[in-house]
N, C-alpha and C. Protein backbone atom coordinates (compact mmCIF):
# COMPACT_ATOMS: atom_id res chain seq x y z
N MET A 1 19.44 36.11 -5.98
CA MET A 1 18.31 35.23 -6.20
C MET A 1 18.45 34.03 -5.27
N ALA A 2 17.45 33.78 -4.45
CA ALA A 2 17.46 32.65 -3.53
C ALA A 2 16.83 31.44 -4.23
N VAL A 3 17.56 30.36 -4.29
CA VAL A 3 17.09 29.15 -4.95
C VAL A 3 16.57 28.18 -3.90
N ARG A 4 15.39 27.62 -4.19
CA ARG A 4 14.78 26.63 -3.30
C ARG A 4 14.64 25.32 -4.05
N LEU A 5 14.88 24.23 -3.36
CA LEU A 5 14.56 22.91 -3.90
C LEU A 5 13.19 22.57 -3.34
N ARG A 6 12.20 22.40 -4.23
CA ARG A 6 10.83 22.20 -3.76
C ARG A 6 10.06 21.30 -4.70
N LEU A 7 8.83 21.02 -4.31
CA LEU A 7 7.96 20.14 -5.10
C LEU A 7 7.00 20.98 -5.94
N GLN A 8 6.78 20.53 -7.16
CA GLN A 8 5.74 21.10 -8.01
C GLN A 8 4.66 20.05 -8.14
N ARG A 9 3.42 20.41 -7.82
CA ARG A 9 2.35 19.43 -7.87
C ARG A 9 1.81 19.28 -9.28
N HIS A 10 1.62 18.03 -9.66
CA HIS A 10 0.98 17.67 -10.92
C HIS A 10 0.00 16.57 -10.61
N GLY A 11 -0.69 16.05 -11.59
CA GLY A 11 -1.62 14.95 -11.36
C GLY A 11 -3.04 15.46 -11.16
N LYS A 12 -3.95 14.51 -10.98
CA LYS A 12 -5.36 14.84 -10.83
C LYS A 12 -5.71 15.13 -9.37
N LYS A 13 -6.93 15.62 -9.18
CA LYS A 13 -7.42 15.88 -7.84
C LYS A 13 -7.49 14.55 -7.08
N GLY A 14 -6.88 14.50 -5.91
CA GLY A 14 -6.87 13.29 -5.11
C GLY A 14 -5.79 12.30 -5.51
N LYS A 15 -5.07 12.56 -6.60
CA LYS A 15 -3.99 11.67 -7.05
C LYS A 15 -2.77 12.51 -7.36
N PRO A 16 -2.07 12.97 -6.33
CA PRO A 16 -0.95 13.88 -6.57
C PRO A 16 0.27 13.17 -7.17
N PHE A 17 1.02 13.94 -7.91
CA PHE A 17 2.29 13.52 -8.48
C PHE A 17 3.17 14.76 -8.47
N TYR A 18 4.39 14.65 -7.99
CA TYR A 18 5.23 15.83 -7.82
C TYR A 18 6.51 15.74 -8.64
N HIS A 19 6.98 16.91 -9.09
CA HIS A 19 8.31 17.04 -9.67
C HIS A 19 9.18 17.76 -8.65
N LEU A 20 10.39 17.27 -8.40
CA LEU A 20 11.35 17.97 -7.55
C LEU A 20 12.11 18.94 -8.45
N VAL A 21 12.09 20.21 -8.09
CA VAL A 21 12.71 21.22 -8.95
C VAL A 21 13.57 22.17 -8.12
N ALA A 22 14.51 22.79 -8.81
CA ALA A 22 15.27 23.91 -8.25
C ALA A 22 14.62 25.15 -8.87
N ALA A 23 14.08 26.04 -8.03
CA ALA A 23 13.35 27.20 -8.54
C ALA A 23 13.68 28.42 -7.70
N ASP A 24 13.47 29.58 -8.31
CA ASP A 24 13.60 30.85 -7.60
C ASP A 24 12.52 30.87 -6.52
N SER A 25 12.87 31.29 -5.33
CA SER A 25 11.91 31.27 -4.22
C SER A 25 10.74 32.22 -4.45
N ARG A 26 10.89 33.19 -5.35
CA ARG A 26 9.82 34.14 -5.62
C ARG A 26 8.83 33.65 -6.66
N SER A 27 9.15 32.59 -7.38
CA SER A 27 8.25 32.09 -8.43
C SER A 27 7.13 31.27 -7.79
N PRO A 28 5.96 31.17 -8.45
CA PRO A 28 4.85 30.39 -7.89
C PRO A 28 5.17 28.91 -7.78
N ARG A 29 4.40 28.21 -6.98
CA ARG A 29 4.66 26.79 -6.70
C ARG A 29 4.78 25.97 -7.98
N ASP A 30 3.83 26.13 -8.88
CA ASP A 30 3.83 25.35 -10.11
C ASP A 30 4.34 26.15 -11.30
N GLY A 31 5.05 27.26 -11.03
CA GLY A 31 5.51 28.15 -12.09
C GLY A 31 6.88 27.80 -12.61
N ARG A 32 7.62 28.84 -12.97
CA ARG A 32 8.94 28.67 -13.58
C ARG A 32 9.90 27.97 -12.62
N PHE A 33 10.79 27.19 -13.20
CA PHE A 33 11.84 26.54 -12.43
C PHE A 33 13.12 26.57 -13.22
N ILE A 34 14.21 26.36 -12.53
CA ILE A 34 15.53 26.41 -13.17
C ILE A 34 15.90 25.02 -13.70
N GLU A 35 15.73 24.00 -12.87
CA GLU A 35 16.09 22.64 -13.28
C GLU A 35 15.21 21.64 -12.58
N ARG A 36 14.80 20.59 -13.30
CA ARG A 36 14.02 19.51 -12.70
C ARG A 36 14.99 18.43 -12.25
N LEU A 37 14.87 18.05 -10.97
CA LEU A 37 15.80 17.10 -10.37
C LEU A 37 15.26 15.68 -10.28
N GLY A 38 13.94 15.52 -10.30
CA GLY A 38 13.38 14.18 -10.18
C GLY A 38 11.88 14.22 -10.00
N THR A 39 11.32 13.07 -9.62
CA THR A 39 9.88 12.95 -9.40
C THR A 39 9.61 12.25 -8.08
N TYR A 40 8.38 12.46 -7.58
CA TYR A 40 7.94 11.85 -6.33
C TYR A 40 6.48 11.49 -6.50
N ASN A 41 6.15 10.20 -6.33
CA ASN A 41 4.78 9.73 -6.45
C ASN A 41 4.36 9.10 -5.13
N PRO A 42 3.61 9.84 -4.29
CA PRO A 42 3.24 9.30 -2.99
C PRO A 42 2.08 8.32 -3.03
N THR A 43 1.42 8.14 -4.17
CA THR A 43 0.25 7.27 -4.23
C THR A 43 0.61 5.80 -4.33
N THR A 44 1.84 5.48 -4.75
CA THR A 44 2.24 4.08 -4.83
C THR A 44 2.70 3.60 -3.45
N ILE A 45 2.70 2.28 -3.28
CA ILE A 45 3.13 1.71 -2.01
C ILE A 45 4.29 0.80 -2.29
N PRO A 46 5.49 1.08 -1.82
CA PRO A 46 5.93 2.30 -1.16
C PRO A 46 6.03 3.44 -2.17
N ALA A 47 6.14 4.66 -1.67
CA ALA A 47 6.20 5.83 -2.53
C ALA A 47 7.37 5.72 -3.50
N THR A 48 7.13 6.14 -4.75
CA THR A 48 8.16 6.07 -5.78
C THR A 48 8.90 7.39 -5.84
N ILE A 49 10.22 7.33 -5.71
CA ILE A 49 11.05 8.53 -5.77
C ILE A 49 12.16 8.29 -6.79
N GLU A 50 12.22 9.16 -7.79
CA GLU A 50 13.32 9.13 -8.74
C GLU A 50 14.05 10.46 -8.59
N LEU A 51 15.35 10.40 -8.35
CA LEU A 51 16.10 11.61 -8.05
C LEU A 51 17.46 11.56 -8.72
N ASN A 52 17.85 12.66 -9.33
CA ASN A 52 19.20 12.82 -9.85
C ASN A 52 20.04 13.33 -8.68
N VAL A 53 20.70 12.42 -8.00
CA VAL A 53 21.44 12.75 -6.78
C VAL A 53 22.56 13.75 -7.07
N GLU A 54 23.25 13.56 -8.18
CA GLU A 54 24.37 14.45 -8.51
C GLU A 54 23.90 15.89 -8.70
N ALA A 55 22.78 16.07 -9.41
CA ALA A 55 22.27 17.43 -9.62
C ALA A 55 21.79 18.03 -8.31
N ALA A 56 21.14 17.22 -7.46
CA ALA A 56 20.67 17.73 -6.17
C ALA A 56 21.85 18.16 -5.30
N VAL A 57 22.92 17.36 -5.29
CA VAL A 57 24.11 17.71 -4.51
C VAL A 57 24.74 18.98 -5.05
N LYS A 58 24.75 19.12 -6.37
CA LYS A 58 25.32 20.34 -6.98
C LYS A 58 24.56 21.57 -6.48
N TRP A 59 23.22 21.49 -6.45
CA TRP A 59 22.43 22.63 -5.97
C TRP A 59 22.65 22.87 -4.48
N LEU A 60 22.76 21.81 -3.71
CA LEU A 60 23.03 21.97 -2.28
C LEU A 60 24.39 22.62 -2.06
N GLN A 61 25.39 22.22 -2.85
CA GLN A 61 26.73 22.80 -2.74
C GLN A 61 26.71 24.29 -3.10
N ASN A 62 25.80 24.67 -4.00
CA ASN A 62 25.71 26.07 -4.41
C ASN A 62 24.82 26.91 -3.49
N GLY A 63 24.28 26.30 -2.43
CA GLY A 63 23.52 27.06 -1.44
C GLY A 63 22.01 27.03 -1.56
N ALA A 64 21.46 26.14 -2.38
CA ALA A 64 20.00 26.04 -2.49
C ALA A 64 19.44 25.48 -1.19
N GLU A 65 18.30 26.02 -0.76
CA GLU A 65 17.64 25.59 0.47
C GLU A 65 16.47 24.67 0.13
N PRO A 66 16.46 23.43 0.62
CA PRO A 66 15.31 22.55 0.37
C PRO A 66 14.17 22.83 1.34
N THR A 67 12.93 22.60 0.89
CA THR A 67 11.78 22.67 1.79
C THR A 67 11.84 21.46 2.71
N ASP A 68 10.98 21.43 3.70
CA ASP A 68 11.01 20.33 4.67
C ASP A 68 10.77 18.97 4.01
N THR A 69 9.77 18.89 3.13
CA THR A 69 9.46 17.62 2.46
C THR A 69 10.60 17.20 1.55
N VAL A 70 11.14 18.16 0.80
CA VAL A 70 12.25 17.84 -0.10
C VAL A 70 13.48 17.45 0.71
N ARG A 71 13.69 18.07 1.86
CA ARG A 71 14.82 17.69 2.72
C ARG A 71 14.68 16.23 3.14
N ALA A 72 13.47 15.82 3.49
CA ALA A 72 13.24 14.42 3.87
C ALA A 72 13.50 13.49 2.69
N ILE A 73 13.07 13.88 1.50
CA ILE A 73 13.30 13.06 0.32
C ILE A 73 14.79 12.97 0.01
N LEU A 74 15.49 14.09 0.08
CA LEU A 74 16.93 14.10 -0.18
C LEU A 74 17.68 13.25 0.84
N SER A 75 17.25 13.30 2.07
CA SER A 75 17.86 12.49 3.12
C SER A 75 17.62 11.01 2.85
N TYR A 76 16.39 10.67 2.44
CA TYR A 76 16.01 9.29 2.16
C TYR A 76 16.83 8.72 1.00
N LYS A 77 17.08 9.53 -0.01
CA LYS A 77 17.83 9.08 -1.18
C LYS A 77 19.34 9.24 -1.02
N GLY A 78 19.82 9.91 0.03
CA GLY A 78 21.24 10.00 0.30
C GLY A 78 21.93 11.24 -0.24
N ALA A 79 21.19 12.17 -0.81
CA ALA A 79 21.81 13.38 -1.37
C ALA A 79 22.41 14.24 -0.25
N LEU A 80 21.73 14.33 0.88
CA LEU A 80 22.27 15.13 1.99
C LEU A 80 23.54 14.48 2.55
N TYR A 81 23.56 13.15 2.60
CA TYR A 81 24.75 12.45 3.10
C TYR A 81 25.93 12.67 2.16
N LYS A 82 25.66 12.59 0.86
CA LYS A 82 26.75 12.81 -0.10
C LYS A 82 27.25 14.25 -0.02
N ASN A 83 26.34 15.21 0.18
CA ASN A 83 26.73 16.61 0.35
C ASN A 83 27.64 16.74 1.58
N HIS A 84 27.26 16.07 2.66
CA HIS A 84 28.06 16.08 3.88
C HIS A 84 29.46 15.52 3.62
N LEU A 85 29.52 14.41 2.91
CA LEU A 85 30.82 13.80 2.60
C LEU A 85 31.66 14.72 1.71
N LEU A 86 31.03 15.36 0.74
CA LEU A 86 31.77 16.27 -0.14
C LEU A 86 32.27 17.50 0.62
N ASN A 87 31.54 17.94 1.63
CA ASN A 87 32.04 19.02 2.48
C ASN A 87 33.30 18.57 3.23
N GLY A 88 33.37 17.30 3.57
CA GLY A 88 34.57 16.74 4.20
C GLY A 88 35.75 16.75 3.25
N VAL A 89 35.49 16.52 1.97
CA VAL A 89 36.57 16.59 0.97
C VAL A 89 37.08 18.01 0.85
N ARG A 90 36.17 18.96 0.83
CA ARG A 90 36.55 20.36 0.71
C ARG A 90 37.40 20.80 1.91
N LYS A 91 37.11 20.25 3.08
CA LYS A 91 37.87 20.61 4.28
C LYS A 91 39.16 19.80 4.42
N GLY A 92 39.32 18.78 3.59
CA GLY A 92 40.54 17.99 3.63
C GLY A 92 40.47 16.78 4.54
N ALA A 93 39.30 16.44 5.07
CA ALA A 93 39.18 15.30 5.97
C ALA A 93 39.05 13.98 5.21
N LEU A 94 38.55 14.01 3.97
CA LEU A 94 38.34 12.81 3.17
C LEU A 94 38.91 13.01 1.77
N THR A 95 39.02 11.88 1.06
CA THR A 95 39.39 11.95 -0.35
C THR A 95 38.16 11.62 -1.19
N ALA A 96 38.22 11.91 -2.47
CA ALA A 96 37.09 11.64 -3.36
C ALA A 96 36.78 10.14 -3.43
N GLU A 97 37.82 9.30 -3.39
CA GLU A 97 37.61 7.85 -3.43
C GLU A 97 36.89 7.37 -2.18
N GLU A 98 37.29 7.91 -1.03
CA GLU A 98 36.63 7.54 0.22
C GLU A 98 35.17 7.94 0.20
N VAL A 99 34.87 9.10 -0.38
CA VAL A 99 33.47 9.56 -0.47
C VAL A 99 32.65 8.56 -1.28
N GLU A 100 33.18 8.14 -2.43
CA GLU A 100 32.44 7.21 -3.28
C GLU A 100 32.24 5.86 -2.60
N THR A 101 33.27 5.35 -1.92
CA THR A 101 33.13 4.05 -1.25
C THR A 101 32.13 4.13 -0.10
N ARG A 102 32.22 5.20 0.68
CA ARG A 102 31.26 5.36 1.79
C ARG A 102 29.84 5.53 1.28
N PHE A 103 29.68 6.32 0.23
CA PHE A 103 28.34 6.55 -0.31
C PHE A 103 27.77 5.25 -0.90
N GLN A 104 28.59 4.47 -1.61
CA GLN A 104 28.12 3.19 -2.16
C GLN A 104 27.75 2.23 -1.04
N ALA A 105 28.55 2.19 0.03
CA ALA A 105 28.23 1.33 1.17
C ALA A 105 26.90 1.74 1.79
N TRP A 106 26.70 3.06 1.92
CA TRP A 106 25.45 3.56 2.48
C TRP A 106 24.28 3.19 1.58
N LEU A 107 24.43 3.35 0.26
CA LEU A 107 23.36 2.99 -0.69
C LEU A 107 23.03 1.50 -0.62
N ASP A 108 24.05 0.66 -0.55
CA ASP A 108 23.82 -0.78 -0.46
C ASP A 108 23.05 -1.14 0.80
N ASN A 109 23.46 -0.55 1.94
CA ASN A 109 22.77 -0.78 3.20
C ASN A 109 21.32 -0.31 3.13
N LYS A 110 21.11 0.86 2.55
CA LYS A 110 19.77 1.43 2.42
C LYS A 110 18.89 0.54 1.53
N ASN A 111 19.45 0.06 0.44
CA ASN A 111 18.69 -0.82 -0.46
C ASN A 111 18.30 -2.12 0.22
N LYS A 112 19.20 -2.67 1.07
CA LYS A 112 18.88 -3.88 1.83
C LYS A 112 17.70 -3.63 2.76
N LYS A 113 17.74 -2.48 3.45
CA LYS A 113 16.66 -2.14 4.37
C LYS A 113 15.34 -1.99 3.62
N ILE A 114 15.38 -1.30 2.50
CA ILE A 114 14.15 -1.08 1.72
C ILE A 114 13.60 -2.40 1.21
N THR A 115 14.48 -3.25 0.68
CA THR A 115 14.04 -4.54 0.17
C THR A 115 13.47 -5.40 1.30
N GLY A 116 14.12 -5.39 2.45
CA GLY A 116 13.62 -6.15 3.60
C GLY A 116 12.28 -5.64 4.07
N HIS A 117 12.14 -4.33 4.11
CA HIS A 117 10.87 -3.75 4.54
C HIS A 117 9.77 -4.06 3.52
N ALA A 118 10.08 -3.94 2.24
CA ALA A 118 9.08 -4.21 1.21
C ALA A 118 8.64 -5.67 1.26
N SER A 119 9.59 -6.58 1.47
CA SER A 119 9.22 -8.00 1.54
C SER A 119 8.40 -8.30 2.80
N SER A 120 8.72 -7.63 3.90
CA SER A 120 7.93 -7.86 5.12
C SER A 120 6.52 -7.31 4.95
N VAL A 121 6.38 -6.17 4.29
CA VAL A 121 5.05 -5.62 4.02
C VAL A 121 4.28 -6.57 3.12
N GLN A 122 4.94 -7.09 2.10
CA GLN A 122 4.31 -8.04 1.18
C GLN A 122 3.87 -9.30 1.94
N GLN A 123 4.73 -9.77 2.84
CA GLN A 123 4.42 -10.96 3.61
C GLN A 123 3.23 -10.71 4.54
N LYS A 124 3.17 -9.54 5.18
CA LYS A 124 2.05 -9.22 6.06
C LYS A 124 0.75 -9.16 5.27
N ARG A 125 0.80 -8.57 4.08
CA ARG A 125 -0.40 -8.51 3.25
C ARG A 125 -0.87 -9.90 2.86
N GLU A 126 0.07 -10.76 2.53
CA GLU A 126 -0.29 -12.13 2.15
C GLU A 126 -0.91 -12.87 3.34
N GLU A 127 -0.34 -12.68 4.54
CA GLU A 127 -0.90 -13.30 5.74
C GLU A 127 -2.31 -12.78 6.02
N GLU A 128 -2.50 -11.48 5.88
CA GLU A 128 -3.83 -10.90 6.10
C GLU A 128 -4.83 -11.44 5.08
N ARG A 129 -4.38 -11.58 3.83
CA ARG A 129 -5.26 -12.10 2.79
C ARG A 129 -5.65 -13.54 3.11
N LEU A 130 -4.69 -14.35 3.56
CA LEU A 130 -4.99 -15.74 3.91
C LEU A 130 -5.91 -15.82 5.12
N LYS A 131 -5.73 -14.91 6.09
CA LYS A 131 -6.63 -14.89 7.25
C LYS A 131 -8.05 -14.54 6.83
N LYS A 132 -8.18 -13.58 5.92
CA LYS A 132 -9.51 -13.21 5.43
C LYS A 132 -10.16 -14.38 4.70
N ILE A 133 -9.39 -15.07 3.90
CA ILE A 133 -9.92 -16.21 3.16
C ILE A 133 -10.37 -17.30 4.14
N ALA A 134 -9.57 -17.56 5.17
CA ALA A 134 -9.92 -18.57 6.16
C ALA A 134 -11.20 -18.17 6.92
N ALA A 135 -11.30 -16.88 7.28
CA ALA A 135 -12.49 -16.41 7.99
C ALA A 135 -13.72 -16.52 7.09
N GLU A 136 -13.57 -16.16 5.82
CA GLU A 136 -14.70 -16.28 4.89
C GLU A 136 -15.11 -17.73 4.70
N LYS A 137 -14.13 -18.63 4.64
CA LYS A 137 -14.43 -20.05 4.48
C LYS A 137 -15.16 -20.58 5.71
N GLU A 138 -14.72 -20.13 6.88
CA GLU A 138 -15.38 -20.55 8.13
C GLU A 138 -16.83 -20.08 8.15
N ILE A 139 -17.07 -18.86 7.73
CA ILE A 139 -18.44 -18.32 7.69
C ILE A 139 -19.26 -19.10 6.67
N LYS A 140 -18.67 -19.40 5.52
CA LYS A 140 -19.37 -20.15 4.47
C LYS A 140 -19.74 -21.54 4.98
N ASP A 141 -18.79 -22.23 5.64
CA ASP A 141 -19.07 -23.56 6.19
C ASP A 141 -20.17 -23.51 7.23
N LYS A 142 -20.15 -22.48 8.07
CA LYS A 142 -21.17 -22.33 9.10
C LYS A 142 -22.54 -22.13 8.46
N ARG A 143 -22.61 -21.30 7.43
CA ARG A 143 -23.89 -21.06 6.74
C ARG A 143 -24.39 -22.33 6.06
N LEU A 144 -23.49 -23.09 5.43
CA LEU A 144 -23.89 -24.34 4.79
C LEU A 144 -24.42 -25.34 5.82
N LYS A 145 -23.75 -25.41 6.97
CA LYS A 145 -24.19 -26.32 8.02
C LYS A 145 -25.57 -25.92 8.53
N GLU A 146 -25.77 -24.60 8.74
CA GLU A 146 -27.07 -24.11 9.19
C GLU A 146 -28.15 -24.39 8.15
N ALA A 147 -27.81 -24.24 6.87
CA ALA A 147 -28.77 -24.51 5.80
C ALA A 147 -29.13 -25.99 5.75
N GLU A 148 -28.13 -26.87 5.93
CA GLU A 148 -28.39 -28.31 5.96
C GLU A 148 -29.28 -28.67 7.14
N GLU A 149 -29.00 -28.11 8.31
CA GLU A 149 -29.83 -28.38 9.49
C GLU A 149 -31.25 -27.88 9.28
N ALA A 150 -31.39 -26.72 8.67
CA ALA A 150 -32.73 -26.20 8.40
C ALA A 150 -33.46 -27.08 7.39
N ALA A 151 -32.75 -27.60 6.39
CA ALA A 151 -33.37 -28.48 5.40
C ALA A 151 -33.80 -29.80 6.06
N LYS A 152 -32.93 -30.34 6.94
CA LYS A 152 -33.30 -31.57 7.66
C LYS A 152 -34.50 -31.34 8.57
N ALA A 153 -34.54 -30.20 9.23
CA ALA A 153 -35.66 -29.87 10.10
C ALA A 153 -36.93 -29.73 9.27
N ALA A 154 -36.84 -29.13 8.11
CA ALA A 154 -38.01 -28.97 7.24
C ALA A 154 -38.48 -30.33 6.73
N GLU A 155 -37.55 -31.22 6.39
CA GLU A 155 -37.90 -32.57 5.94
C GLU A 155 -38.56 -33.34 7.07
N ALA A 156 -37.99 -33.20 8.28
CA ALA A 156 -38.56 -33.90 9.44
C ALA A 156 -39.97 -33.38 9.72
N ALA A 157 -40.16 -32.08 9.62
CA ALA A 157 -41.49 -31.51 9.85
C ALA A 157 -42.46 -31.96 8.75
N ALA A 158 -41.98 -31.99 7.52
CA ALA A 158 -42.84 -32.42 6.41
C ALA A 158 -43.18 -33.90 6.53
N SER A 159 -42.22 -34.74 6.92
CA SER A 159 -42.49 -36.17 7.07
C SER A 159 -43.38 -36.42 8.28
N ALA A 160 -43.28 -35.60 9.31
CA ALA A 160 -44.14 -35.76 10.48
C ALA A 160 -45.58 -35.37 10.12
N GLU A 161 -45.74 -34.39 9.26
CA GLU A 161 -47.09 -33.98 8.85
C GLU A 161 -47.68 -34.95 7.84
N THR A 162 -46.92 -35.53 6.98
CA THR A 162 -47.41 -36.41 5.92
C THR A 162 -48.04 -37.68 6.48
N PRO A 163 -47.44 -38.42 7.42
CA PRO A 163 -48.10 -39.62 7.94
C PRO A 163 -49.38 -39.27 8.69
N SER A 164 -49.45 -38.21 9.40
CA SER A 164 -50.67 -37.86 10.13
C SER A 164 -51.77 -37.48 9.16
N ALA A 165 -51.45 -36.87 8.06
CA ALA A 165 -52.46 -36.52 7.06
C ALA A 165 -52.97 -37.80 6.39
N GLU A 166 -52.10 -38.75 6.11
CA GLU A 166 -52.52 -40.02 5.53
C GLU A 166 -53.33 -40.81 6.54
N ALA A 167 -52.93 -40.71 7.82
CA ALA A 167 -53.67 -41.43 8.85
C ALA A 167 -55.07 -40.87 9.00
N GLU A 168 -55.24 -39.58 8.86
CA GLU A 168 -56.57 -38.98 8.95
C GLU A 168 -57.42 -39.35 7.75
N GLU A 169 -56.84 -39.44 6.58
CA GLU A 169 -57.57 -39.79 5.36
C GLU A 169 -57.97 -41.25 5.39
N ALA A 170 -57.13 -42.11 5.92
CA ALA A 170 -57.42 -43.53 5.94
C ALA A 170 -58.66 -43.85 6.78
N PRO A 171 -58.83 -43.33 8.01
CA PRO A 171 -60.05 -43.64 8.74
C PRO A 171 -61.28 -43.03 8.07
N ALA A 172 -61.12 -41.92 7.47
CA ALA A 172 -62.26 -41.31 6.80
C ALA A 172 -62.69 -42.19 5.63
N ALA A 173 -61.75 -42.76 4.92
CA ALA A 173 -62.05 -43.65 3.81
C ALA A 173 -62.73 -44.91 4.33
N GLU A 174 -62.28 -45.43 5.48
CA GLU A 174 -62.89 -46.60 6.06
C GLU A 174 -64.31 -46.31 6.49
N ASN A 175 -64.56 -45.14 7.03
CA ASN A 175 -65.92 -44.77 7.44
C ASN A 175 -66.84 -44.66 6.26
N GLU A 176 -66.36 -44.17 5.17
CA GLU A 176 -67.18 -44.02 3.98
C GLU A 176 -67.47 -45.39 3.34
N ALA A 177 -66.53 -46.29 3.38
CA ALA A 177 -66.70 -47.56 2.73
C ALA A 177 -67.84 -48.38 3.37
N PRO A 178 -67.94 -48.47 4.68
CA PRO A 178 -69.06 -49.24 5.25
C PRO A 178 -70.41 -48.56 5.01
N ALA A 179 -70.42 -47.30 4.93
CA ALA A 179 -71.67 -46.59 4.69
C ALA A 179 -72.16 -46.87 3.29
N ALA A 180 -71.29 -47.11 2.36
CA ALA A 180 -71.66 -47.36 0.99
C ALA A 180 -72.24 -48.76 0.85
N GLU A 181 -71.96 -49.69 1.69
CA GLU A 181 -72.45 -51.07 1.57
C GLU A 181 -73.84 -51.11 1.89
């Protein structure tokens, strides 16, 4: 029986959610599986991956073949690196203590990178949000200024028309007054 480490799709249409499983290669994608190793949610930013590294390494040691996507996930979470280190123990190049210290150092370094990347992404989003707010404020100020200028122009036009209308009425009133005498 050939065992594959692969993804099982769950979730709604357009909103995928995956389970990482060890399954017989002949079973359907979402069918029977031997063991569930973790979850993968690509819709979150950054993607959420929960993985039982020890179980994944156990399956890799027993000869399970990961699919391309699962291989990338295992590499990202360090399961492939730990498998590599454990192969070194089996060959006599390393000790179990050395494997744990190297793996912990790798995890710490990886977590620093992820945290740094997440904070830089957060910072870029905040800068973009502030730029959008500044651009919207600039547009709002421009529109208010244009509206004020249009209101002043309308007032000036109305005041220019009002004295001429009064001036026309005044001579007409004067003409009527002498005729009445």
